């Protein structure tokens, strides 16, 4: 199975995961995100850059600010990767459970 490490790497940081979770709830600006996180606006901007480059968020200019939101296409691609991982994991588990037990005597 091939994985796209950019998703895993982007969400591997706790602050980026927090930003991602906030954007799932509603789109927001850097200022809005920084107001509820224990990091500066420049730090939020850097985290958003990583999420954007990974294809997980997109932004759109609104006046003087950029509003960030989850990228549905990127999220769907990442979800497909996760689903593929679980399907293979569950199939391997099923095989392991169905193997006849060897007598240990």
C-alpha atoms as a PDB file:
ATOM      1  CA  UNK A   1       0.000   0.000   0.000  1.00  0.00           C
ATOM      2  CA  UNK A   2       1.359   3.399  -0.928  1.00  0.00           C
ATOM      3  CA  UNK A   3       0.747   6.260   1.461  1.00  0.00           C
ATOM      4  CA  UNK A   4       0.890   9.945   0.907  1.00  0.00           C
ATOM      5  CA  UNK A   5       3.104  11.104   3.775  1.00  0.00           C
ATOM      6  CA  UNK A   6       2.173  14.761   3.316  1.00  0.00           C
ATOM      7  CA  UNK A   7      -1.169  14.248   5.076  1.00  0.00           C
ATOM      8  CA  UNK A   8       0.311  12.308   7.966  1.00  0.00           C
ATOM      9  CA  UNK A   9       3.206  14.749   8.349  1.00  0.00           C
ATOM     10  CA  UNK A  10       0.928  17.794   8.269  1.00  0.00           C
ATOM     11  CA  UNK A  11      -1.391  16.399  10.927  1.00  0.00           C
ATOM     12  CA  UNK A  12       1.450  14.952  13.004  1.00  0.00           C
ATOM     13  CA  UNK A  13       1.864  18.258  14.825  1.00  0.00           C
ATOM     14  CA  UNK A  14      -0.588  18.927  17.679  1.00  0.00           C
ATOM     15  CA  UNK A  15      -1.013  22.611  16.838  1.00  0.00           C
ATOM     16  CA  UNK A  16      -1.760  21.814  13.194  1.00  0.00           C
ATOM     17  CA  UNK A  17      -4.278  19.187  14.283  1.00  0.00           C
ATOM     18  CA  UNK A  18      -5.927  21.778  16.528  1.00  0.00           C
ATOM     19  CA  UNK A  19      -6.083  24.255  13.641  1.00  0.00           C
ATOM     20  CA  UNK A  20      -7.488  21.545  11.369  1.00  0.00           C
ATOM     21  CA  UNK A  21     -10.148  20.648  13.945  1.00  0.00           C
ATOM     22  CA  UNK A  22     -11.121  24.307  14.348  1.00  0.00           C
ATOM     23  CA  UNK A  23     -11.462  24.660  10.580  1.00  0.00           C
ATOM     24  CA  UNK A  24     -13.694  21.594  10.475  1.00  0.00           C
ATOM     25  CA  UNK A  25     -16.085  23.533  12.733  1.00  0.00           C
ATOM     26  CA  UNK A  26     -15.965  26.713  10.647  1.00  0.00           C
ATOM     27  CA  UNK A  27     -13.739  28.646   8.248  1.00  0.00           C
ATOM     28  CA  UNK A  28     -11.518  31.216   9.925  1.00  0.00           C
ATOM     29  CA  UNK A  29      -8.809  33.817   9.464  1.00  0.00           C
ATOM     30  CA  UNK A  30      -5.319  33.632  10.948  1.00  0.00           C
ATOM     31  CA  UNK A  31      -6.395  36.229  13.519  1.00  0.00           C
ATOM     32  CA  UNK A  32      -9.460  34.212  14.464  1.00  0.00           C
ATOM     33  CA  UNK A  33      -7.436  31.034  14.883  1.00  0.00           C
ATOM     34  CA  UNK A  34      -4.670  32.770  16.846  1.00  0.00           C
ATOM     35  CA  UNK A  35      -7.252  34.213  19.236  1.00  0.00           C
ATOM     36  CA  UNK A  36      -8.208  30.722  20.452  1.00  0.00           C
ATOM     37  CA  UNK A  37      -4.799  29.053  20.261  1.00  0.00           C
ATOM     38  CA  UNK A  38      -1.755  29.504  22.504  1.00  0.00           C
ATOM     39  CA  UNK A  39       0.450  30.490  19.546  1.00  0.00           C
ATOM     40  CA  UNK A  40       1.163  33.734  17.692  1.00  0.00           C
ATOM     41  CA  UNK A  41      -0.377  34.801  14.387  1.00  0.00           C
ATOM     42  CA  UNK A  42       2.930  34.196  12.539  1.00  0.00           C
ATOM     43  CA  UNK A  43       3.032  30.657  13.978  1.00  0.00           C
ATOM     44  CA  UNK A  44      -0.574  30.037  12.893  1.00  0.00           C
ATOM     45  CA  UNK A  45       0.335  31.288   9.407  1.00  0.00           C
ATOM     46  CA  UNK A  46       3.244  28.849   9.203  1.00  0.00           C
ATOM     47  CA  UNK A  47       1.047  25.943  10.320  1.00  0.00           C
ATOM     48  CA  UNK A  48      -1.608  26.912   7.770  1.00  0.00           C
ATOM     49  CA  UNK A  49       1.061  26.992   5.065  1.00  0.00           C
ATOM     50  CA  UNK A  50       1.978  23.375   5.869  1.00  0.00           C
ATOM     51  CA  UNK A  51      -1.700  22.337   5.862  1.00  0.00           C
ATOM     52  CA  UNK A  52      -2.274  24.177   2.566  1.00  0.00           C
ATOM     53  CA  UNK A  53       0.793  22.586   0.929  1.00  0.00           C
ATOM     54  CA  UNK A  54      -0.458  19.185   2.074  1.00  0.00           C
ATOM     55  CA  UNK A  55      -3.763  19.877   0.323  1.00  0.00           C
ATOM     56  CA  UNK A  56      -5.837  19.832   3.501  1.00  0.00           C
ATOM     57  CA  UNK A  57      -6.893  23.500   3.574  1.00  0.00           C
ATOM     58  CA  UNK A  58      -7.550  26.241   1.046  1.00  0.00           C
ATOM     59  CA  UNK A  59      -7.825  29.980   1.486  1.00  0.00           C
ATOM     60  CA  UNK A  60      -9.717  32.831  -0.097  1.00  0.00           C
ATOM     61  CA  UNK A  61      -9.124  36.539   0.247  1.00  0.00           C
ATOM     62  CA  UNK A  62     -11.882  38.405   2.060  1.00  0.00           C
ATOM     63  CA  UNK A  63     -11.043  42.088   2.385  1.00  0.00           C
ATOM     64  CA  UNK A  64      -7.691  42.392   4.140  1.00  0.00           C
ATOM     65  CA  UNK A  65      -7.712  38.818   5.423  1.00  0.00           C
ATOM     66  CA  UNK A  66      -7.552  35.331   4.045  1.00  0.00           C
ATOM     67  CA  UNK A  67     -10.221  32.933   5.211  1.00  0.00           C
ATOM     68  CA  UNK A  68      -9.081  29.331   5.559  1.00  0.00           C
ATOM     69  CA  UNK A  69     -11.311  26.294   5.266  1.00  0.00           C
ATOM     70  CA  UNK A  70     -10.941  22.558   4.855  1.00  0.00           C
ATOM     71  CA  UNK A  71     -10.269  21.484   1.279  1.00  0.00           C
ATOM     72  CA  UNK A  72     -12.940  18.842   0.599  1.00  0.00           C
ATOM     73  CA  UNK A  73     -10.916  17.292  -2.244  1.00  0.00           C
ATOM     74  CA  UNK A  74      -7.774  16.926  -0.128  1.00  0.00           C
ATOM     75  CA  UNK A  75      -9.760  15.596   2.794  1.00  0.00           C
ATOM     76  CA  UNK A  76     -11.509  13.049   0.551  1.00  0.00           C
ATOM     77  CA  UNK A  77      -8.145  11.855  -0.774  1.00  0.00           C
ATOM     78  CA  UNK A  78      -6.778  11.503   2.752  1.00  0.00           C
ATOM     79  CA  UNK A  79      -9.963   9.716   3.850  1.00  0.00           C
ATOM     80  CA  UNK A  80      -9.602   7.241   0.975  1.00  0.00           C
ATOM     81  CA  UNK A  81      -6.056   6.514   2.121  1.00  0.00           C
ATOM     82  CA  UNK A  82      -7.228   5.916   5.691  1.00  0.00           C
ATOM     83  CA  UNK A  83     -10.066   3.678   4.463  1.00  0.00           C
ATOM     84  CA  UNK A  84      -7.619   1.638   2.383  1.00  0.00           C
ATOM     85  CA  UNK A  85      -5.370   1.231   5.424  1.00  0.00           C
ATOM     86  CA  UNK A  86      -8.269   0.010   7.603  1.00  0.00           C
ATOM     87  CA  UNK A  87      -9.606  -2.362   4.949  1.00  0.00           C
ATOM     88  CA  UNK A  88      -6.205  -4.056   4.694  1.00  0.00           C
ATOM     89  CA  UNK A  89      -5.779  -4.093   8.464  1.00  0.00           C
ATOM     90  CA  UNK A  90      -9.213  -5.621   9.044  1.00  0.00           C
ATOM     91  CA  UNK A  91      -8.655  -8.211   6.303  1.00  0.00           C
ATOM     92  CA  UNK A  92      -5.374  -9.258   7.953  1.00  0.00           C
ATOM     93  CA  UNK A  93      -7.116  -9.430  11.330  1.00  0.00           C
ATOM     94  CA  UNK A  94      -9.881 -11.591   9.868  1.00  0.00           C
ATOM     95  CA  UNK A  95      -7.302 -14.021   8.477  1.00  0.00           C
ATOM     96  CA  UNK A  96      -5.488 -14.186  11.813  1.00  0.00           C
ATOM     97  CA  UNK A  97      -8.704 -14.857  13.733  1.00  0.00           C
ATOM     98  CA  UNK A  98      -9.851 -17.546  11.324  1.00  0.00           C
ATOM     99  CA  UNK A  99      -6.576 -19.498  11.436  1.00  0.00           C
ATOM    100  CA  UNK A 100      -6.997 -22.827  13.245  1.00  0.00           C
ATOM    101  CA  UNK A 101      -5.471 -22.751  16.718  1.00  0.00           C
ATOM    102  CA  UNK A 102      -2.466 -25.061  17.143  1.00  0.00           C
ATOM    103  CA  UNK A 103      -2.569 -27.428  20.063  1.00  0.00           C
ATOM    104  CA  UNK A 104      -0.029 -26.263  22.607  1.00  0.00           C
ATOM    105  CA  UNK A 105       0.395 -29.603  24.363  1.00  0.00           C
END
